[in-house]
Amino acid sequence: MRAAPSPARFRTLLIALAATGAARAAEPAAPTDLPGPVAAIIASLGPTAQAAIWFGPPDGPPEVAWHARRPMPAASAIKVAHLIEVCAARARALPGTTATTSALEEPLPGATATLDDPSHPAVAHFTPNQRATARHLLGDRTTLGVCEAMIHGRDVDNATYNLAANLVTAHLGGPAELTRRLHARDPRFAGVQVRRYMLADRRTHGDNEVTAEALAALLDALALGRVPGLDAATVAACRRVLADGQDAAGRAVFRKDGALDSAPATRTRAGWREGAEGARVFVILLSDTGAGAATGKRLEEAVRWIESLLFTPP
């Protein structure tokens, strides 16, 4: 469970925002259809930043929506699409078994061959040592094991965390084919665009992008347990991969975040929380035309505050 920002620190932030309001008078007004504190945080990021938000129940209209159809860089949050499509491709039930105990529990075909081919676009931008480490950590993993590595990155380094997603993309036929499969699955997913392998140049083929609305649609389907074309056991397997403990209120948390410090710097927090009062899906996308650790840290603090505020009763 991740620690929430302290209330005292948040009060300090709001006081600082109020104090700088006069100096920022020339900037565009804060959004008016967002909760006041959320609008203040977005305004504090300055004119080079962009934001998109979707928040609400998985079976109804959003309670908060801000630029929800604006294409935004997704960073690793786009791996929810990778998870759905590789599980759909591999979950073929064998006689007398369920989908989640058949192909999903077998190694991902072609993974070792891809890692051993330095010219493959999935791995060409990684060093020989990074590929060797990934081969050691991923070579014998099941399909679900590779998915767990690409979603949460537990017990693997950052290069392997991203190479795991690239092995999934390569298995599915590359970024364009992954995107085609996803769009064919449900027209609501059309705002998700996989254009490059993870950590490949963001300009060569275009960045991986999502709209808050489309990413929320992916998460809606998983939160409801109903993904077009997937059986219940396979959807349950996807949900287990995304599970991330409980929050302070005792709600089950499912999530996939993302972060990039290269231009445009990007921070994404996305998933859903479910408890006695039902589920709430959240997608928070922030970007800045700047780059570097300082810009990334500023976005990281903002995106964490926004998530905390969305789940704080008024």
Protein backbone atom coordinates (compact mmCIF):
# COMPACT_ATOMS: atom_id res chain seq x y z
CA MET A 1 0.00 0.00 0.00
CA ARG A 2 1.39 3.40 -0.96
CA ALA A 3 1.42 6.15 1.64
CA ALA A 4 -0.97 9.02 0.91
CA PRO A 5 0.33 12.61 1.01
CA SER A 6 -0.06 14.11 4.48
CA PRO A 7 -2.95 16.59 5.05
CA ALA A 8 -0.53 19.10 6.58
CA ARG A 9 1.65 19.06 3.49
CA PHE A 10 -1.39 19.52 1.26
CA ARG A 11 -2.55 22.54 3.28
CA THR A 12 0.92 23.99 2.81
CA LEU A 13 0.60 23.48 -0.95
CA LEU A 14 -2.79 25.23 -1.12
CA ILE A 15 -1.49 28.15 0.92
CA ALA A 16 1.43 28.45 -1.49
CA LEU A 17 -0.93 28.35 -4.48
CA ALA A 18 -3.09 31.07 -2.98
CA ALA A 19 -0.04 33.20 -2.29
CA THR A 20 1.11 32.98 -5.91
CA GLY A 21 -2.31 33.66 -7.40
CA ALA A 22 -1.65 37.34 -8.09
CA ALA A 23 1.65 36.59 -9.83
CA ARG A 24 -0.12 34.07 -12.06
CA ALA A 25 -2.93 36.38 -13.10
CA ALA A 26 -1.75 36.41 -16.72
CA GLU A 27 -2.11 32.62 -17.04
CA PRO A 28 -5.33 30.92 -18.16
CA ALA A 29 -7.92 30.51 -15.44
CA ALA A 30 -8.02 27.20 -13.61
CA PRO A 31 -10.60 24.71 -14.90
CA THR A 32 -14.05 25.41 -13.50
CA ASP A 33 -15.53 21.90 -13.80
CA LEU A 34 -12.98 20.27 -11.50
CA PRO A 35 -12.94 20.16 -7.69
CA GLY A 36 -11.29 23.37 -6.53
CA PRO A 37 -8.14 21.83 -5.04
CA VAL A 38 -7.60 19.66 -8.14
CA ALA A 39 -8.02 22.71 -10.38
CA ALA A 40 -5.49 24.58 -8.24
CA ILE A 41 -2.91 21.82 -8.59
CA ILE A 42 -3.32 21.71 -12.38
CA ALA A 43 -3.04 25.50 -12.60
CA SER A 44 0.13 25.41 -10.49
CA LEU A 45 1.91 23.31 -13.12
CA GLY A 46 2.06 26.29 -15.47
CA PRO A 47 1.35 26.92 -19.16
CA THR A 48 3.66 24.22 -20.55
CA ALA A 49 1.74 21.43 -18.80
CA GLN A 50 -1.34 19.54 -19.92
CA ALA A 51 -3.76 17.39 -17.96
CA ALA A 52 -6.54 14.93 -18.65
CA ILE A 53 -8.71 13.24 -16.02
CA TRP A 54 -11.48 10.66 -15.91
CA PHE A 55 -12.98 9.56 -12.58
CA GLY A 56 -16.17 7.67 -11.86
CA PRO A 57 -17.97 4.35 -11.61
CA PRO A 58 -17.21 1.72 -14.24
CA ASP A 59 -20.88 1.36 -15.14
CA GLY A 60 -21.87 4.99 -15.50
CA PRO A 61 -20.88 8.49 -16.59
CA PRO A 62 -17.79 10.11 -15.05
CA GLU A 63 -18.09 12.14 -11.89
CA VAL A 64 -15.05 14.17 -12.96
CA ALA A 65 -13.89 14.54 -16.57
CA TRP A 66 -11.33 17.04 -17.83
CA HIS A 67 -10.05 16.97 -21.43
CA ALA A 68 -10.98 13.27 -21.38
CA ARG A 69 -10.67 12.96 -25.20
CA ARG A 70 -7.31 14.73 -25.45
CA PRO A 71 -4.51 12.38 -26.65
CA MET A 72 -1.83 12.27 -23.97
CA PRO A 73 1.48 10.39 -23.61
CA ALA A 74 0.76 7.28 -21.59
CA ALA A 75 4.18 5.95 -20.51
CA SER A 76 3.82 2.51 -18.91
CA ALA A 77 0.11 2.90 -18.14
CA ILE A 78 -0.49 1.75 -21.72
CA LYS A 79 0.63 -1.73 -20.64
CA VAL A 80 -2.97 -2.43 -19.59
CA ALA A 81 -3.60 -2.85 -23.33
CA HIS A 82 -0.63 -5.21 -23.61
CA LEU A 83 -1.98 -7.27 -20.71
CA ILE A 84 -5.45 -7.65 -22.21
CA GLU A 85 -4.23 -8.56 -25.69
CA VAL A 86 -1.56 -11.08 -24.72
CA CYS A 87 -3.96 -12.82 -22.34
CA ALA A 88 -6.59 -12.90 -25.09
CA ALA A 89 -4.05 -14.38 -27.53
CA ARG A 90 -2.70 -17.02 -25.14
CA ALA A 91 -5.76 -18.03 -23.11
CA ARG A 92 -6.84 -21.04 -25.11
CA ALA A 93 -8.47 -23.60 -22.86
CA LEU A 94 -7.09 -27.12 -23.17
CA PRO A 95 -9.35 -30.15 -22.66
CA GLY A 96 -10.28 -30.49 -19.02
CA THR A 97 -8.65 -27.20 -17.98
CA THR A 98 -9.53 -23.54 -17.67
CA ALA A 99 -7.91 -20.79 -19.69
CA THR A 100 -5.85 -19.56 -16.76
CA THR A 101 -4.26 -22.97 -16.16
CA SER A 102 -3.36 -23.66 -19.78
CA ALA A 103 -1.40 -21.41 -22.11
CA LEU A 104 -1.20 -18.53 -19.65
CA GLU A 105 0.81 -20.83 -17.38
CA GLU A 106 3.19 -21.77 -20.19
CA PRO A 107 6.26 -19.74 -21.28
CA LEU A 108 5.62 -16.91 -23.74
CA PRO A 109 6.54 -18.32 -27.17
CA GLY A 110 9.39 -16.56 -28.95
CA ALA A 111 10.58 -14.59 -25.90
CA THR A 112 14.06 -16.11 -25.77
CA ALA A 113 14.54 -15.87 -29.54
CA THR A 114 13.59 -12.19 -29.47
CA LEU A 115 16.01 -11.44 -26.64
CA ASP A 116 18.78 -13.27 -28.50
CA ASP A 117 18.29 -11.22 -31.68
CA PRO A 118 20.03 -7.84 -31.21
CA SER A 119 18.51 -6.56 -34.47
CA HIS A 120 14.88 -7.09 -33.39
CA PRO A 121 13.15 -3.72 -32.91
CA ALA A 122 11.82 -4.88 -29.55
CA VAL A 123 15.33 -5.14 -28.09
CA ALA A 124 17.73 -3.31 -30.43
CA HIS A 125 17.79 -0.18 -28.22
CA PHE A 126 18.89 -2.14 -25.13
CA THR A 127 22.49 -3.05 -24.27
CA PRO A 128 23.80 -6.63 -24.44
CA ASN A 129 23.97 -6.71 -20.63
CA GLN A 130 20.36 -5.54 -20.33
CA ARG A 131 19.21 -8.21 -22.77
CA ALA A 132 21.21 -10.87 -20.93
CA THR A 133 19.69 -9.84 -17.61
CA ALA A 134 16.19 -9.95 -19.09
CA ARG A 135 16.89 -13.36 -20.59
CA HIS A 136 17.93 -14.63 -17.16
CA LEU A 137 14.92 -13.10 -15.40
CA LEU A 138 12.24 -13.69 -18.03
CA GLY A 139 13.38 -16.61 -20.17
CA ASP A 140 11.58 -19.30 -18.18
CA ARG A 141 8.65 -17.23 -16.93
CA THR A 142 5.10 -18.08 -17.83
CA THR A 143 3.01 -15.67 -19.87
CA LEU A 144 1.41 -14.43 -16.65
CA GLY A 145 4.87 -14.13 -15.09
CA VAL A 146 6.02 -11.90 -17.95
CA CYS A 147 2.84 -9.84 -17.51
CA GLU A 148 3.52 -9.43 -13.81
CA ALA A 149 7.05 -8.23 -14.59
CA MET A 150 5.82 -5.64 -17.13
CA ILE A 151 3.01 -4.35 -14.89
CA HIS A 152 4.60 -4.03 -11.46
CA GLY A 153 8.32 -4.55 -12.12
CA ARG A 154 8.78 -6.44 -8.87
CA ASP A 155 12.11 -8.27 -8.56
CA VAL A 156 13.32 -6.97 -11.95
CA ASP A 157 15.32 -3.91 -13.01
CA ASN A 158 13.81 -1.09 -15.07
CA ALA A 159 15.18 -2.38 -18.38
CA THR A 160 13.68 -5.84 -17.78
CA TYR A 161 10.39 -4.26 -16.70
CA ASN A 162 10.16 -2.59 -20.11
CA LEU A 163 11.64 -5.47 -22.08
CA ALA A 164 8.86 -7.68 -20.68
CA ALA A 165 6.29 -5.42 -22.35
CA ASN A 166 8.32 -5.47 -25.56
CA LEU A 167 8.34 -9.27 -25.60
CA VAL A 168 4.54 -9.17 -25.33
CA THR A 169 4.34 -6.63 -28.17
CA ALA A 170 6.67 -8.71 -30.36
CA HIS A 171 4.63 -11.86 -29.67
CA LEU A 172 1.49 -10.01 -30.80
CA GLY A 173 3.12 -8.86 -34.06
CA GLY A 174 4.43 -5.40 -33.15
CA PRO A 175 2.93 -2.09 -32.02
CA ALA A 176 0.65 -1.61 -35.02
CA GLU A 177 -0.80 -5.11 -34.76
CA LEU A 178 -1.31 -4.78 -31.00
CA THR A 179 -3.23 -1.56 -31.66
CA ARG A 180 -5.29 -3.18 -34.42
CA ARG A 181 -6.28 -6.08 -32.15
CA LEU A 182 -7.27 -3.72 -29.36
CA HIS A 183 -9.41 -1.49 -31.59
CA ALA A 184 -11.11 -4.55 -33.10
CA ARG A 185 -11.99 -5.74 -29.61
CA ASP A 186 -14.06 -2.69 -28.68
CA PRO A 187 -14.54 0.68 -30.43
CA ARG A 188 -14.34 2.36 -27.03
CA PHE A 189 -10.63 1.50 -26.97
CA ALA A 190 -9.87 3.51 -30.13
CA GLY A 191 -8.18 6.28 -28.16
CA VAL A 192 -5.35 3.91 -27.17
CA GLN A 193 -2.47 4.06 -29.66
CA VAL A 194 0.57 1.79 -29.30
CA ARG A 195 3.13 3.19 -31.74
CA ARG A 196 6.49 2.17 -30.33
CA TYR A 197 8.25 -0.42 -28.24
CA MET A 198 8.89 0.69 -24.66
CA LEU A 199 11.91 3.00 -24.30
CA ALA A 200 12.35 3.26 -28.08
CA ASP A 201 12.73 6.77 -29.52
CA ARG A 202 9.48 8.65 -28.87
CA ARG A 203 9.75 10.59 -32.15
CA THR A 204 10.60 7.94 -34.75
CA HIS A 205 7.14 6.40 -35.03
CA GLY A 206 5.25 8.66 -32.63
CA ASP A 207 4.60 8.28 -28.93
CA ASN A 208 2.36 5.78 -27.19
CA GLU A 209 -0.77 7.76 -26.38
CA VAL A 210 -4.15 7.36 -24.74
CA THR A 211 -7.14 9.50 -24.04
CA ALA A 212 -8.37 9.44 -20.46
CA GLU A 213 -11.73 8.26 -21.76
CA ALA A 214 -10.28 5.30 -23.70
CA LEU A 215 -7.95 4.17 -20.92
CA ALA A 216 -10.88 4.41 -18.52
CA ALA A 217 -12.88 2.17 -20.90
CA LEU A 218 -10.17 -0.52 -20.65
CA LEU A 219 -10.22 -0.25 -16.88
CA ASP A 220 -14.03 -0.15 -16.78
CA ALA A 221 -14.17 -3.49 -18.59
CA LEU A 222 -11.71 -5.09 -16.20
CA ALA A 223 -13.37 -3.59 -13.13
CA LEU A 224 -16.73 -4.99 -14.27
CA GLY A 225 -15.16 -8.34 -15.19
CA ARG A 226 -16.46 -8.11 -18.74
CA VAL A 227 -13.89 -7.65 -21.53
CA PRO A 228 -15.21 -8.36 -25.03
CA GLY A 229 -13.81 -11.64 -26.35
CA LEU A 230 -12.29 -12.80 -23.04
CA ASP A 231 -13.76 -15.51 -20.85
CA ALA A 232 -14.33 -14.87 -17.16
CA ALA A 233 -11.29 -16.85 -16.02
CA THR A 234 -8.97 -14.84 -18.27
CA VAL A 235 -10.41 -11.52 -17.08
CA ALA A 236 -9.89 -12.72 -13.51
CA ALA A 237 -6.25 -13.45 -14.35
CA CYS A 238 -5.81 -9.91 -15.70
CA ARG A 239 -7.35 -8.48 -12.55
CA ARG A 240 -4.96 -10.49 -10.37
CA VAL A 241 -1.98 -9.11 -12.28
CA LEU A 242 -3.20 -5.53 -11.73
CA ALA A 243 -4.01 -6.04 -8.03
CA ASP A 244 -2.02 -3.73 -5.75
CA GLY A 245 -3.19 -4.33 -2.20
CA GLN A 246 -5.59 -2.11 -0.28
CA ASP A 247 -5.83 1.60 0.40
CA ALA A 248 -6.20 3.19 3.84
CA ALA A 249 -10.00 2.84 3.61
CA GLY A 250 -9.75 -0.91 3.05
CA ARG A 251 -10.67 -0.76 -0.66
CA ALA A 252 -8.99 -3.20 -3.03
CA VAL A 253 -6.66 -1.32 -5.38
CA PHE A 254 -5.92 -2.26 -9.00
CA ARG A 255 -3.54 0.00 -10.90
CA LYS A 256 -0.95 0.65 -13.60
CA ASP A 257 1.00 3.88 -13.38
CA GLY A 258 3.56 5.38 -15.75
CA ALA A 259 6.46 7.83 -15.67
CA LEU A 260 8.88 9.33 -18.19
CA ASP A 261 11.32 12.20 -17.65
CA SER A 262 12.23 12.64 -21.33
CA ALA A 263 10.32 15.32 -23.25
CA PRO A 264 7.43 15.48 -22.87
CA ALA A 265 7.80 14.53 -19.21
CA THR A 266 4.88 12.32 -18.26
CA ARG A 267 3.17 11.05 -15.15
CA THR A 268 0.14 8.77 -15.23
CA ARG A 269 -1.84 7.13 -12.45
CA ALA A 270 -4.65 4.84 -13.54
CA GLY A 271 -6.70 1.97 -12.21
CA TRP A 272 -9.66 1.44 -9.94
CA ARG A 273 -10.48 0.97 -6.29
CA GLU A 274 -13.39 -1.16 -5.14
CA GLY A 275 -15.07 -1.49 -1.77
CA ALA A 276 -18.46 -1.72 -0.11
CA GLU A 277 -19.64 1.42 -1.89
CA GLY A 278 -18.74 0.02 -5.31
CA ALA A 279 -15.83 0.73 -7.64
CA ARG A 280 -14.32 3.99 -8.87
CA VAL A 281 -12.09 4.09 -11.95
CA PHE A 282 -9.44 6.80 -12.11
CA VAL A 283 -7.23 8.02 -14.94
CA ILE A 284 -4.93 11.00 -14.31
CA LEU A 285 -2.64 12.02 -17.19
CA LEU A 286 -0.11 14.84 -16.79
CA SER A 287 2.57 15.97 -19.20
CA ASP A 288 4.96 18.88 -19.63
CA THR A 289 6.91 19.97 -22.70
CA GLY A 290 9.97 20.16 -20.47
CA ALA A 291 12.14 17.26 -19.45
CA GLY A 292 14.39 16.14 -16.64
CA ALA A 293 14.18 14.85 -13.10
CA ALA A 294 12.97 18.14 -11.62
CA THR A 295 10.04 18.37 -14.04
CA GLY A 296 9.22 14.72 -13.46
CA LYS A 297 9.28 15.18 -9.68
CA ARG A 298 6.90 18.14 -9.94
CA LEU A 299 4.46 16.10 -12.04
CA GLU A 300 4.81 13.11 -9.72
CA GLU A 301 3.84 15.14 -6.68
CA ALA A 302 0.89 16.66 -8.54
CA VAL A 303 -0.49 13.38 -9.87
CA ARG A 304 -0.30 11.79 -6.41
CA TRP A 305 -2.16 14.73 -4.86
CA ILE A 306 -4.86 14.60 -7.51
CA GLU A 307 -5.46 10.88 -6.99
CA SER A 308 -5.65 11.39 -3.25
CA LEU A 309 -8.13 14.26 -3.64
CA LEU A 310 -10.40 12.33 -6.01
CA PHE A 311 -10.85 9.68 -3.33
CA THR A 312 -11.27 12.16 -0.46
CA PRO A 313 -14.94 12.75 0.43
CA PRO A 314 -15.96 16.42 0.03
